[in-house]
């Protein structure tokens, strides 16, 4: 039976996002009865026609983060093909994995006038440059011509820009971050899988036992993707209420939390809890280690559940749990939010041959049916909630729902407050920080100085 999966994550997330300056959300509408939902939930292939019909075959240049190991990549390609077949239009896709190189490429494209017509991208500080430059169109401006644009979404959950508080992007699904587990590695090492009450000290003991058994405790590329451990290790020195705040300096209380958090990553490295090649390996390589049973834990986002489901030979060998906590942070306090969405660029909006088609494309890709398939175990801004047939979920996806239901607090990622170029001292510089070649406090101060100079 199909029913709405109303994640605790969504409600809790809205409360915590207010601490980062977001507008407070209205209470969600009451859930319809199961019978009503089953009737209302359209099959993916029965997506309603967009309000703005394209006038003829058009080629849209589209860039998204649905690529690589992103669990939504296959779904995205399916609906791209369906939309092209239904409309006769063509999508010139330039999607890429959402790492720092990709972000730099997107910003560079806007700077030289090579931006796409439609962009699925982050709605935090990563988008500040092209929002400030007036390169994307606000939802209000689009609605002035197409009143039903994003009408299936809760306006309070759309991605308001930090630049001016205006909504420019239409979200598909939100995210949470957690710790995926290879059960076989834990069993072979004779350790219990961390749970909602596991402390950081207990986690360190578990990691040592896994290392002693001949496995890498944590699959992570500190050379390419240090982001998740950066976030949670700092979170272990802040709270749900204070996490999403930039320090004034590296020496104030919040700055010290950053220094101590990165120091904890350094300790993990020094104890040998990351792969031997963590300073040179790619994210794809360390992910494969996790899949192949060479590493126990993988800290990543909700989207990774799809990537694991597609790649694992035995999905029942994998689960997801909370990142162990310390100090005032409970393990069940999570990182999450609605951080990305579809933008229509001014370039496409001012092109009479592309305006209606760009609107139609975004409406198609953010319809209830399409968003529900993308969302699965994550949050959405849909007024009617995600329509999910739980009987189709595998064991890992069901564990994801359990994880969200047990969340005691949700804080947005503080890194989203830091423009991409300003992250270099701590992200690109992580190998030097964990090996002691660079000073952590100095790197944090450098980040803050760069942010202040923006």
Protein backbone atom coordinates (compact mmCIF):
# COMPACT_ATOMS: atom_id res chain seq x y z
CA UNK A 1 0.00 0.00 0.00
CA UNK A 2 1.31 3.42 -0.89
CA UNK A 3 1.44 6.01 1.83
CA UNK A 4 3.14 9.26 2.65
CA UNK A 5 6.36 8.81 4.58
CA UNK A 6 6.31 11.85 6.87
CA UNK A 7 9.89 11.98 8.09
CA UNK A 8 10.59 13.47 11.49
CA UNK A 9 13.58 14.95 9.73
CA UNK A 10 11.46 17.44 7.83
CA UNK A 11 9.77 19.00 10.84
CA UNK A 12 12.87 19.05 13.02
CA UNK A 13 14.94 20.42 10.19
CA UNK A 14 12.68 23.43 9.76
CA UNK A 15 13.03 24.37 13.42
CA UNK A 16 16.80 24.16 13.34
CA UNK A 17 17.11 26.00 10.03
CA UNK A 18 15.55 29.02 11.72
CA UNK A 19 18.72 29.31 13.76
CA UNK A 20 20.60 29.96 10.52
CA UNK A 21 18.35 32.86 9.57
CA UNK A 22 15.77 30.95 7.51
CA UNK A 23 12.16 32.00 7.70
CA UNK A 24 10.13 29.91 10.11
CA UNK A 25 7.99 27.30 8.39
CA UNK A 26 4.28 26.97 8.63
CA UNK A 27 2.99 23.78 10.21
CA UNK A 28 2.70 21.02 7.63
CA UNK A 29 -0.71 20.15 6.35
CA UNK A 30 -2.39 17.11 7.86
CA UNK A 31 -1.60 13.89 6.07
CA UNK A 32 -4.39 12.51 3.90
CA UNK A 33 -5.80 9.11 4.71
CA UNK A 34 -3.97 6.18 3.21
CA UNK A 35 -6.82 5.49 0.80
CA UNK A 36 -6.79 9.09 -0.43
CA UNK A 37 -3.04 9.07 -0.81
CA UNK A 38 -3.08 5.90 -2.83
CA UNK A 39 -5.52 7.49 -5.24
CA UNK A 40 -3.68 10.80 -5.33
CA UNK A 41 -0.22 9.37 -5.87
CA UNK A 42 0.39 9.37 -9.63
CA UNK A 43 2.63 6.79 -11.19
CA UNK A 44 5.91 8.25 -12.38
CA UNK A 45 4.97 7.83 -16.00
CA UNK A 46 1.67 9.65 -15.43
CA UNK A 47 3.28 12.97 -14.50
CA UNK A 48 0.91 15.80 -15.35
CA UNK A 49 1.81 17.96 -18.32
CA UNK A 50 3.66 21.14 -17.33
CA UNK A 51 1.65 24.36 -17.20
CA UNK A 52 4.04 26.04 -19.62
CA UNK A 53 4.01 24.10 -22.87
CA UNK A 54 7.06 24.44 -25.13
CA UNK A 55 6.29 25.89 -28.53
CA UNK A 56 8.59 23.61 -30.51
CA UNK A 57 11.73 21.49 -30.40
CA UNK A 58 14.30 23.29 -28.27
CA UNK A 59 17.73 22.31 -27.00
CA UNK A 60 18.25 23.13 -23.34
CA UNK A 61 21.70 23.25 -21.78
CA UNK A 62 21.31 21.67 -18.35
CA UNK A 63 23.85 21.15 -15.57
CA UNK A 64 23.10 19.19 -12.39
CA UNK A 65 24.90 17.32 -9.62
CA UNK A 66 23.25 14.05 -10.68
CA UNK A 67 26.39 12.24 -11.77
CA UNK A 68 28.99 9.75 -10.58
CA UNK A 69 27.96 7.87 -7.44
CA UNK A 70 24.98 10.13 -6.79
CA UNK A 71 22.02 7.82 -6.22
CA UNK A 72 19.77 10.15 -8.23
CA UNK A 73 21.86 9.97 -11.40
CA UNK A 74 20.01 7.00 -12.86
CA UNK A 75 16.61 8.47 -12.00
CA UNK A 76 17.63 11.79 -13.53
CA UNK A 77 18.69 10.15 -16.77
CA UNK A 78 15.42 8.20 -16.90
CA UNK A 79 13.31 11.33 -16.65
CA UNK A 80 15.53 13.27 -19.03
CA UNK A 81 14.88 10.57 -21.62
CA UNK A 82 11.15 10.56 -20.85
CA UNK A 83 10.87 14.35 -21.13
CA UNK A 84 12.72 14.36 -24.44
CA UNK A 85 10.46 11.62 -25.80
CA UNK A 86 7.30 13.39 -24.65
CA UNK A 87 8.21 16.87 -25.87
CA UNK A 88 10.60 16.38 -28.78
CA UNK A 89 13.03 18.72 -27.04
CA UNK A 90 16.68 17.89 -26.36
CA UNK A 91 18.73 18.17 -23.17
CA UNK A 92 22.39 18.94 -23.59
CA UNK A 93 23.51 17.53 -20.24
CA UNK A 94 26.71 18.72 -18.54
CA UNK A 95 26.15 17.27 -15.08
CA UNK A 96 29.06 16.45 -12.80
CA UNK A 97 29.91 15.10 -9.37
CA UNK A 98 29.41 17.81 -6.76
CA UNK A 99 33.00 18.18 -5.61
CA UNK A 100 34.98 21.39 -5.33
CA UNK A 101 36.25 21.11 -8.92
CA UNK A 102 32.68 20.91 -10.22
CA UNK A 103 31.62 23.91 -8.13
CA UNK A 104 34.53 25.94 -9.45
CA UNK A 105 33.58 25.00 -13.00
CA UNK A 106 29.97 26.12 -12.51
CA UNK A 107 31.04 29.49 -11.12
CA UNK A 108 33.58 29.95 -13.91
CA UNK A 109 30.89 29.26 -16.52
CA UNK A 110 28.77 32.07 -15.10
CA UNK A 111 31.72 34.44 -15.05
CA UNK A 112 32.46 33.98 -18.75
CA UNK A 113 28.83 33.85 -19.92
CA UNK A 114 28.77 30.09 -20.55
CA UNK A 115 26.21 29.26 -17.89
CA UNK A 116 23.53 26.64 -18.67
CA UNK A 117 19.86 27.37 -19.27
CA UNK A 118 18.82 25.31 -16.26
CA UNK A 119 21.02 24.54 -13.28
CA UNK A 120 20.44 22.13 -10.41
CA UNK A 121 22.78 23.47 -7.77
CA UNK A 122 23.26 24.49 -4.15
CA UNK A 123 21.14 27.33 -2.78
CA UNK A 124 23.48 28.44 0.04
CA UNK A 125 26.60 30.55 -0.26
CA UNK A 126 27.83 28.47 -3.20
CA UNK A 127 25.26 30.30 -5.31
CA UNK A 128 25.99 33.80 -3.96
CA UNK A 129 28.18 34.87 -6.88
CA UNK A 130 25.67 34.27 -9.65
CA UNK A 131 22.71 35.44 -7.55
CA UNK A 132 24.49 38.72 -6.75
CA UNK A 133 25.34 39.13 -10.42
CA UNK A 134 21.67 38.79 -11.39
CA UNK A 135 22.34 35.70 -13.48
CA UNK A 136 19.33 33.67 -12.27
CA UNK A 137 15.59 34.43 -12.17
CA UNK A 138 13.60 34.53 -8.93
CA UNK A 139 10.60 32.27 -8.43
CA UNK A 140 8.42 35.37 -7.93
CA UNK A 141 9.46 36.76 -11.30
CA UNK A 142 8.74 33.43 -12.97
CA UNK A 143 5.33 33.22 -11.28
CA UNK A 144 4.45 36.65 -12.61
CA UNK A 145 4.24 34.98 -16.02
CA UNK A 146 3.65 31.37 -14.98
CA UNK A 147 1.49 31.54 -11.81
CA UNK A 148 1.54 27.79 -11.15
CA UNK A 149 5.33 27.50 -11.14
CA UNK A 150 6.41 25.44 -8.10
CA UNK A 151 2.84 25.62 -6.77
CA UNK A 152 3.17 22.05 -5.47
CA UNK A 153 5.91 23.15 -3.06
CA UNK A 154 5.77 24.75 0.39
CA UNK A 155 7.12 28.25 -0.14
CA UNK A 156 8.55 28.23 3.38
CA UNK A 157 10.86 25.35 2.38
CA UNK A 158 12.17 26.80 -0.86
CA UNK A 159 15.82 27.74 -0.95
CA UNK A 160 16.02 31.41 -0.04
CA UNK A 161 19.35 32.94 -1.03
CA UNK A 162 21.65 34.27 1.70
CA UNK A 163 22.23 37.29 -0.55
CA UNK A 164 18.75 38.79 -0.39
CA UNK A 165 16.39 36.24 1.18
CA UNK A 166 14.69 35.71 -2.18
CA UNK A 167 13.81 32.25 -3.51
CA UNK A 168 15.48 31.35 -6.79
CA UNK A 169 15.60 27.55 -6.78
CA UNK A 170 12.97 24.82 -6.68
CA UNK A 171 14.15 21.89 -4.52
CA UNK A 172 13.75 18.24 -5.38
CA UNK A 173 14.73 16.47 -2.20
CA UNK A 174 16.60 17.39 0.90
CA UNK A 175 19.41 15.54 2.56
CA UNK A 176 20.70 14.16 5.79
CA UNK A 177 24.16 12.90 6.61
CA UNK A 178 24.92 9.70 8.49
CA UNK A 179 27.37 6.81 8.75
CA UNK A 180 26.91 3.82 6.47
CA UNK A 181 28.14 0.48 7.78
CA UNK A 182 29.55 -2.65 6.17
CA UNK A 183 28.14 -5.31 8.50
CA UNK A 184 30.54 -8.05 7.39
CA UNK A 185 33.58 -5.99 8.37
CA UNK A 186 32.14 -5.26 11.80
CA UNK A 187 31.31 -8.94 12.27
CA UNK A 188 34.77 -10.04 11.18
CA UNK A 189 36.33 -7.58 13.62
CA UNK A 190 34.04 -8.69 16.44
CA UNK A 191 32.57 -5.23 17.09
CA UNK A 192 29.06 -3.96 17.58
CA UNK A 193 27.63 -1.54 15.05
CA UNK A 194 27.48 1.96 16.61
CA UNK A 195 23.97 2.96 17.66
CA UNK A 196 22.01 5.97 18.92
CA UNK A 197 23.81 5.97 22.27
CA UNK A 198 27.38 5.33 21.07
CA UNK A 199 29.87 7.90 22.32
CA UNK A 200 32.92 9.16 20.49
CA UNK A 201 35.19 7.41 22.98
CA UNK A 202 33.42 4.12 22.32
CA UNK A 203 33.68 4.74 18.59
CA UNK A 204 37.44 5.20 18.87
CA UNK A 205 37.69 1.84 20.67
CA UNK A 206 35.63 0.23 17.92
CA UNK A 207 37.86 1.73 15.23
CA UNK A 208 40.96 0.38 16.94
CA UNK A 209 39.48 -3.13 17.04
CA UNK A 210 38.64 -2.92 13.34
CA UNK A 211 42.15 -1.73 12.54
CA UNK A 212 43.65 -4.55 14.63
CA UNK A 213 41.55 -7.02 12.62
CA UNK A 214 43.20 -5.83 9.42
CA UNK A 215 40.53 -3.51 8.03
CA UNK A 216 40.31 0.25 7.52
CA UNK A 217 37.82 1.59 10.07
CA UNK A 218 36.75 4.60 7.98
CA UNK A 219 36.50 4.85 4.19
CA UNK A 220 37.28 8.48 3.33
CA UNK A 221 39.41 10.47 0.93
CA UNK A 222 40.85 13.35 2.92
CA UNK A 223 42.44 14.49 -0.33
CA UNK A 224 39.11 14.94 -2.11
CA UNK A 225 36.11 14.64 0.22
CA UNK A 226 36.94 15.63 3.81
CA UNK A 227 33.59 17.43 4.06
CA UNK A 228 31.55 14.97 6.09
CA UNK A 229 34.06 14.41 8.86
CA UNK A 230 34.78 18.14 8.93
CA UNK A 231 31.08 18.75 9.57
CA UNK A 232 30.48 16.12 12.24
CA UNK A 233 33.76 16.61 14.09
CA UNK A 234 32.96 20.30 14.45
CA UNK A 235 29.36 19.43 15.37
CA UNK A 236 30.79 17.37 18.24
CA UNK A 237 32.04 20.66 19.73
CA UNK A 238 28.89 22.72 19.07
CA UNK A 239 25.14 22.10 19.44
CA UNK A 240 22.10 21.89 17.20
CA UNK A 241 21.36 25.53 18.06
CA UNK A 242 24.88 26.86 17.54
CA UNK A 243 26.38 24.64 14.85
CA UNK A 244 25.27 26.74 11.90
CA UNK A 245 27.16 29.86 13.00
CA UNK A 246 30.41 31.15 11.59
CA UNK A 247 33.10 31.94 14.15
CA UNK A 248 34.21 35.53 14.57
CA UNK A 249 37.78 34.35 14.81
CA UNK A 250 39.74 31.15 15.35
CA UNK A 251 40.15 32.08 19.01
CA UNK A 252 36.51 32.63 20.04
CA UNK A 253 34.35 29.76 21.34
CA UNK A 254 32.97 28.88 17.91
CA UNK A 255 36.38 29.17 16.31
CA UNK A 256 37.84 26.88 18.95
CA UNK A 257 35.13 24.36 18.11
CA UNK A 258 36.39 24.37 14.52
CA UNK A 259 40.00 23.99 15.64
CA UNK A 260 39.13 21.15 18.02
CA UNK A 261 36.94 19.42 15.44
CA UNK A 262 39.63 19.43 12.78
CA UNK A 263 42.02 18.32 15.50
CA UNK A 264 39.81 15.25 16.00
CA UNK A 265 40.16 14.43 12.29
CA UNK A 266 43.91 14.71 12.74
CA UNK A 267 43.70 12.25 15.64
CA UNK A 268 41.71 9.79 13.50
CA UNK A 269 44.42 10.06 10.84
CA UNK A 270 47.29 9.68 13.29
CA UNK A 271 45.71 6.55 14.77
CA UNK A 272 45.47 5.02 11.29
CA UNK A 273 41.69 4.89 11.15
CA UNK A 274 41.52 6.15 7.56
CA UNK A 275 42.79 4.12 4.57
CA UNK A 276 46.55 4.11 4.07
CA UNK A 277 46.08 6.13 0.87
CA UNK A 278 43.53 8.60 2.27
CA UNK A 279 45.77 11.56 1.35
CA UNK A 280 45.91 10.57 -2.32
CA UNK A 281 42.90 8.34 -3.02
CA UNK A 282 39.80 9.57 -4.80
CA UNK A 283 36.33 9.39 -3.31
CA UNK A 284 35.42 6.69 -5.85
CA UNK A 285 38.34 4.56 -4.69
CA UNK A 286 37.51 4.76 -1.00
CA UNK A 287 33.83 4.12 -1.73
CA UNK A 288 34.83 0.97 -3.58
CA UNK A 289 36.89 -0.09 -0.54
CA UNK A 290 33.75 0.17 1.54
CA UNK A 291 31.72 -1.86 -0.94
CA UNK A 292 34.45 -4.49 -1.23
CA UNK A 293 34.56 -5.12 2.51
CA UNK A 294 37.90 -3.44 3.13
CA UNK A 295 36.50 -0.64 5.30
CA UNK A 296 33.77 -0.57 7.93
CA UNK A 297 32.29 2.94 7.93
CA UNK A 298 31.43 5.54 5.31
CA UNK A 299 30.19 8.97 6.37
CA UNK A 300 28.07 10.39 3.55
CA UNK A 301 24.71 11.84 2.60
CA UNK A 302 21.26 10.33 2.16
CA UNK A 303 21.82 10.17 -1.59
CA UNK A 304 24.52 7.54 -1.04
CA UNK A 305 21.86 4.99 -0.12
CA UNK A 306 20.96 4.88 -3.80
CA UNK A 307 24.58 4.49 -4.88
CA UNK A 308 25.11 1.63 -2.44
CA UNK A 309 21.88 -0.03 -3.52
CA UNK A 310 22.97 0.07 -7.15
CA UNK A 311 26.52 -1.13 -6.51
CA UNK A 312 26.34 -3.65 -3.66
CA UNK A 313 26.17 -7.36 -4.43
CA UNK A 314 24.24 -7.96 -1.20
CA UNK A 315 22.38 -4.90 0.02
CA UNK A 316 21.48 -6.65 3.29
CA UNK A 317 25.17 -6.45 4.23
CA UNK A 318 24.84 -2.67 4.58
CA UNK A 319 23.05 -0.44 7.03
CA UNK A 320 23.23 3.17 8.21
CA UNK A 321 23.64 4.59 11.68
CA UNK A 322 24.40 7.80 13.53
CA UNK A 323 27.82 9.40 13.70
CA UNK A 324 28.86 8.97 17.36
CA UNK A 325 28.77 12.14 19.42
CA UNK A 326 30.67 13.84 22.18
CA UNK A 327 30.16 16.80 24.52
CA UNK A 328 26.65 18.29 24.18
CA UNK A 329 25.92 16.67 20.81
CA UNK A 330 23.92 13.47 20.93
CA UNK A 331 24.73 10.88 18.27
CA UNK A 332 21.12 11.26 17.15
CA UNK A 333 21.65 14.96 16.37
CA UNK A 334 22.13 14.98 12.61
CA UNK A 335 23.21 17.25 9.77
CA UNK A 336 20.50 17.87 7.19
CA UNK A 337 18.53 20.33 5.09
CA UNK A 338 17.15 21.28 1.68
CA UNK A 339 20.29 22.60 0.12
CA UNK A 340 19.84 22.33 -3.66
CA UNK A 341 17.32 23.16 -6.33
CA UNK A 342 16.62 23.97 -9.97
CA UNK A 343 17.50 27.46 -11.17
CA UNK A 344 16.45 29.06 -14.44
CA UNK A 345 19.17 31.38 -15.62
CA UNK A 346 18.58 34.90 -16.89
CA UNK A 347 20.25 33.75 -20.10
CA UNK A 348 17.45 31.24 -20.78
CA UNK A 349 14.70 33.53 -19.45
CA UNK A 350 15.62 36.28 -21.90
CA UNK A 351 15.74 33.85 -24.82
CA UNK A 352 12.22 33.78 -26.35
CA UNK A 353 12.87 30.33 -27.78
CA UNK A 354 13.89 28.87 -24.42
CA UNK A 355 11.87 30.61 -21.70
CA UNK A 356 8.73 28.46 -21.82
CA UNK A 357 10.75 25.30 -22.38
CA UNK A 358 12.98 25.96 -19.38
CA UNK A 359 9.91 26.52 -17.18
CA UNK A 360 8.27 23.37 -18.52
CA UNK A 361 11.41 21.34 -17.90
CA UNK A 362 11.72 22.43 -14.26
CA UNK A 363 8.01 21.83 -13.66
CA UNK A 364 8.36 18.34 -15.06
CA UNK A 365 11.45 17.53 -12.98
CA UNK A 366 9.85 18.89 -9.78
CA UNK A 367 6.39 17.33 -10.15
CA UNK A 368 5.08 15.28 -7.22
CA UNK A 369 5.72 11.97 -8.98
CA UNK A 370 9.28 12.74 -10.05
CA UNK A 371 10.27 14.30 -6.73
CA UNK A 372 8.84 11.30 -4.86
CA UNK A 373 11.07 8.95 -6.80
CA UNK A 374 14.13 11.08 -6.12
CA UNK A 375 13.30 11.61 -2.46
CA UNK A 376 12.71 8.05 -1.27
CA UNK A 377 14.24 8.28 2.20
CA UNK A 378 14.99 12.02 2.32
CA UNK A 379 12.99 15.19 2.96
CA UNK A 380 11.00 17.16 0.38
CA UNK A 381 9.17 20.48 0.17
CA UNK A 382 6.13 18.89 -1.46
CA UNK A 383 2.84 20.10 -0.04
CA UNK A 384 1.43 16.57 -0.30
CA UNK A 385 4.55 14.82 0.94
CA UNK A 386 6.53 12.19 -0.93
CA UNK A 387 4.46 9.32 -2.29
CA UNK A 388 6.44 6.17 -1.47
CA UNK A 389 5.51 2.53 -1.81
CA UNK A 390 7.41 1.15 1.15
CA UNK A 391 7.10 -2.39 -0.17
CA UNK A 392 9.57 -1.41 -2.89
CA UNK A 393 12.29 -0.29 -0.46
CA UNK A 394 15.28 -2.50 0.26
CA UNK A 395 16.65 -3.13 3.76
CA UNK A 396 19.11 -0.23 3.63
CA UNK A 397 16.43 2.23 2.57
CA UNK A 398 14.18 1.05 5.39
CA UNK A 399 17.07 1.52 7.80
CA UNK A 400 17.36 5.07 6.49
CA UNK A 401 13.74 5.73 7.45
CA UNK A 402 14.43 4.34 10.92
CA UNK A 403 17.48 6.59 11.19
CA UNK A 404 15.44 9.69 10.38
CA UNK A 405 12.64 8.71 12.74
CA UNK A 406 15.16 8.55 15.58
CA UNK A 407 16.70 11.97 14.96
CA UNK A 408 16.64 14.23 18.03
CA UNK A 409 17.83 17.35 16.22
CA UNK A 410 18.85 18.56 12.76
CA UNK A 411 21.42 21.25 12.06
CA UNK A 412 22.23 22.55 8.56
CA UNK A 413 25.79 22.13 7.31
CA UNK A 414 27.93 25.06 8.45
CA UNK A 415 30.18 24.65 5.42
CA UNK A 416 27.26 25.94 3.33
CA UNK A 417 27.87 29.36 4.92
CA UNK A 418 31.40 29.41 3.53
CA UNK A 419 31.83 30.35 -0.15
CA UNK A 420 33.63 27.67 -2.13
CA UNK A 421 36.91 29.55 -2.67
CA UNK A 422 37.12 30.27 1.07
CA UNK A 423 37.09 26.58 1.97
CA UNK A 424 40.44 25.89 0.37
CA UNK A 425 42.59 26.23 3.53
CA UNK A 426 40.65 23.51 5.35
CA UNK A 427 39.27 21.35 2.53
CA UNK A 428 42.07 21.32 -0.04
CA UNK A 429 44.49 21.80 2.84
CA UNK A 430 43.24 18.87 4.92
CA UNK A 431 46.20 16.58 4.05
CA UNK A 432 48.62 19.20 5.38
CA UNK A 433 46.50 19.79 8.48
CA UNK A 434 46.30 16.14 9.52
CA UNK A 435 50.00 15.56 8.90
CA UNK A 436 51.01 18.63 10.87
CA UNK A 437 52.49 20.46 7.90
CA UNK A 438 50.01 23.30 8.41
CA UNK A 439 48.61 24.81 11.61
CA UNK A 440 44.91 24.17 12.16
CA UNK A 441 44.17 27.43 13.97
CA UNK A 442 45.93 29.43 11.27
CA UNK A 443 43.98 27.63 8.55
CA UNK A 444 40.66 28.33 10.30
CA UNK A 445 41.58 32.00 10.68
CA UNK A 446 42.51 32.15 7.00
CA UNK A 447 39.07 30.79 6.08
CA UNK A 448 37.35 33.38 8.25
CA UNK A 449 39.47 36.21 6.87
CA UNK A 450 38.59 35.18 3.33
CA UNK A 451 34.88 35.06 4.21
CA UNK A 452 35.09 38.52 5.79
CA UNK A 453 36.73 39.87 2.65
CA UNK A 454 33.92 38.65 0.38
